[in-house]
Amino acid sequence: MSIEVGSKVQGKVTGITNFGAFVELPEGSTGLVHISEVADNYVKDINEHLKVGDQVEVKVINVEKDGKIGLSIKKAKETQQPQRPRHNGPRNNRNDQRNQNKTESFEQKMNRFLKDSEDRLSSLKRNTESKRGGRGARRG
């Protein structure tokens, strides 16, 4: 069995670094699971998810010409179980708003955009002026 992009294989974690984990694949080849490909959520410490010696199922996401193999644990899991929509931050809320507001007119969308833009700009100005000691900053 050759290692082909898109294939799922079983492997054994042989090493862990701060940027990912090395996984030994069948036929003795080794690939890297980048830390961003370990789990669906943000991974701060890979040691909380993997240990040397763990058996994992990985999906081959790329094979470089120099022989480097890119692997993904989260993509290997995606096809096994349906993913539920994640609602864990403002990004998803914005996407939900966009989907709900598809019937808005161009003017309504533009007004909402301008309001959001002005709010963000004023917040940014408030935060940067106070840190730089600009106008309105207290001097003691």
Protein backbone atom coordinates (compact mmCIF):
# COMPACT_ATOMS: atom_id res chain seq x y z
CA MET A 1 0.00 0.00 0.00
CA SER A 2 1.57 3.27 -1.09
CA ILE A 3 0.99 6.55 0.70
CA GLU A 4 -1.41 8.57 -1.44
CA VAL A 5 -3.03 11.94 -0.81
CA GLY A 6 -6.53 11.43 0.57
CA SER A 7 -5.91 7.95 1.98
CA LYS A 8 -6.51 7.11 5.63
CA VAL A 9 -3.96 5.03 7.46
CA GLN A 10 -3.18 3.90 11.00
CA GLY A 11 0.03 5.20 12.50
CA LYS A 12 1.97 5.40 15.73
CA VAL A 13 3.10 8.67 17.31
CA THR A 14 6.89 8.53 17.50
CA GLY A 15 7.72 12.09 18.50
CA ILE A 16 6.12 15.30 19.69
CA THR A 17 7.36 18.85 19.11
CA ASN A 18 5.86 22.25 19.88
CA PHE A 19 4.62 22.48 16.27
CA GLY A 20 3.21 18.99 15.76
CA ALA A 21 3.66 15.24 16.07
CA PHE A 22 5.61 12.76 13.99
CA VAL A 23 3.67 9.64 13.07
CA GLU A 24 5.20 6.42 11.78
CA LEU A 25 3.11 5.04 8.94
CA PRO A 26 2.95 1.58 7.40
CA GLU A 27 6.03 0.65 5.35
CA GLY A 28 8.21 2.59 7.80
CA SER A 29 7.65 6.08 6.42
CA THR A 30 7.10 9.00 8.77
CA GLY A 31 4.80 11.99 8.41
CA LEU A 32 4.03 15.13 10.38
CA VAL A 33 0.68 16.09 11.87
CA HIS A 34 0.90 19.87 12.25
CA ILE A 35 -0.54 21.18 15.53
CA SER A 36 -3.36 22.86 13.57
CA GLU A 37 -4.41 19.44 12.21
CA VAL A 38 -4.69 17.65 15.58
CA ALA A 39 -8.18 18.73 16.68
CA ASP A 40 -11.13 20.85 15.55
CA ASN A 41 -10.59 23.36 18.33
CA TYR A 42 -7.48 25.44 19.12
CA VAL A 43 -4.62 23.32 20.45
CA LYS A 44 -2.29 25.24 22.75
CA ASP A 45 -0.37 22.22 24.05
CA ILE A 46 -0.22 19.17 21.79
CA ASN A 47 0.69 17.01 24.80
CA GLU A 48 -2.91 17.37 26.03
CA HIS A 49 -4.07 15.50 22.91
CA LEU A 50 -1.28 13.07 21.98
CA LYS A 51 1.44 11.00 23.63
CA VAL A 52 4.38 9.10 22.16
CA GLY A 53 3.20 5.57 21.41
CA ASP A 54 -0.45 6.49 20.70
CA GLN A 55 -2.10 4.71 17.77
CA VAL A 56 -3.91 7.26 15.59
CA GLU A 57 -5.83 7.28 12.35
CA VAL A 58 -4.55 9.97 10.01
CA LYS A 59 -5.45 11.26 6.59
CA VAL A 60 -2.67 12.04 4.14
CA ILE A 61 -3.16 15.65 3.07
CA ASN A 62 0.01 16.15 1.03
CA VAL A 63 3.20 14.42 -0.11
CA GLU A 64 6.07 16.73 -1.05
CA LYS A 65 8.58 15.97 -3.78
CA ASP A 66 11.31 15.71 -1.17
CA GLY A 67 9.36 12.93 0.57
CA LYS A 68 7.79 14.93 3.42
CA ILE A 69 4.31 13.68 4.25
CA GLY A 70 1.65 16.01 5.70
CA LEU A 71 -0.99 14.33 7.85
CA SER A 72 -4.22 15.33 9.56
CA ILE A 73 -6.00 13.70 12.48
CA LYS A 74 -9.00 16.05 12.39
CA LYS A 75 -9.65 15.44 8.68
CA ALA A 76 -9.50 11.69 9.26
CA LYS A 77 -12.25 12.08 11.87
CA GLU A 78 -14.45 14.45 9.83
CA THR A 79 -15.82 11.80 7.50
CA GLN A 80 -16.49 9.35 10.31
CA GLN A 81 -18.91 11.52 12.25
CA PRO A 82 -21.03 14.42 11.08
CA GLN A 83 -19.76 17.72 12.37
CA ARG A 84 -22.10 19.90 14.37
CA PRO A 85 -21.88 23.61 13.74
CA ARG A 86 -19.66 25.27 16.30
CA HIS A 87 -21.02 28.33 18.06
CA ASN A 88 -18.02 29.51 19.98
CA GLY A 89 -17.30 33.03 18.97
CA PRO A 90 -18.20 36.25 17.24
CA ARG A 91 -17.14 34.93 13.83
CA ASN A 92 -19.93 32.38 13.81
CA ASN A 93 -22.39 35.00 15.04
CA ARG A 94 -21.45 37.24 12.14
CA ASN A 95 -21.92 34.38 9.69
CA ASP A 96 -25.32 33.62 11.21
CA GLN A 97 -26.31 37.28 10.84
CA ARG A 98 -25.22 37.28 7.21
CA ASN A 99 -27.26 34.18 6.46
CA GLN A 100 -30.34 35.62 8.18
CA ASN A 101 -29.97 38.98 6.45
CA LYS A 102 -29.81 37.77 2.84
CA THR A 103 -33.09 39.56 2.20
CA GLU A 104 -31.64 42.92 3.26
CA SER A 105 -31.38 45.61 0.64
CA PHE A 106 -28.01 46.97 -0.40
CA GLU A 107 -28.62 50.19 1.53
CA GLN A 108 -29.43 48.29 4.72
CA LYS A 109 -26.28 46.21 4.37
CA MET A 110 -24.19 49.31 3.72
CA ASN A 111 -25.65 51.13 6.74
CA ARG A 112 -24.94 48.12 8.97
CA PHE A 113 -21.40 47.91 7.61
CA LEU A 114 -20.76 51.62 8.22
CA LYS A 115 -22.08 51.42 11.77
CA ASP A 116 -19.91 48.37 12.56
CA SER A 117 -16.94 50.08 10.96
CA GLU A 118 -17.40 53.29 12.95
CA ASP A 119 -17.81 51.36 16.20
CA ARG A 120 -14.61 49.42 15.60
CA LEU A 121 -12.69 52.53 14.61
CA SER A 122 -13.77 54.49 17.66
CA SER A 123 -12.88 51.57 19.92
CA LEU A 124 -9.48 51.29 18.27
CA LYS A 125 -8.84 55.03 18.65
CA ARG A 126 -9.84 54.95 22.33
CA ASN A 127 -7.48 52.09 23.06
CA THR A 128 -4.49 53.42 21.12
CA GLU A 129 -4.72 57.03 22.31
CA SER A 130 -4.77 56.04 25.96
CA LYS A 131 -1.75 53.78 25.49
CA ARG A 132 0.26 56.38 23.58
CA GLY A 133 -0.56 59.24 25.88
CA GLY A 134 -2.44 61.12 23.19
CA ARG A 135 -5.21 63.62 23.68
CA GLY A 136 -7.47 62.85 26.60
CA ALA A 137 -4.91 60.70 28.37
CA ARG A 138 -4.24 61.37 32.03
CA ARG A 139 -0.87 62.67 33.00
CA GLY A 140 0.33 62.41 36.51
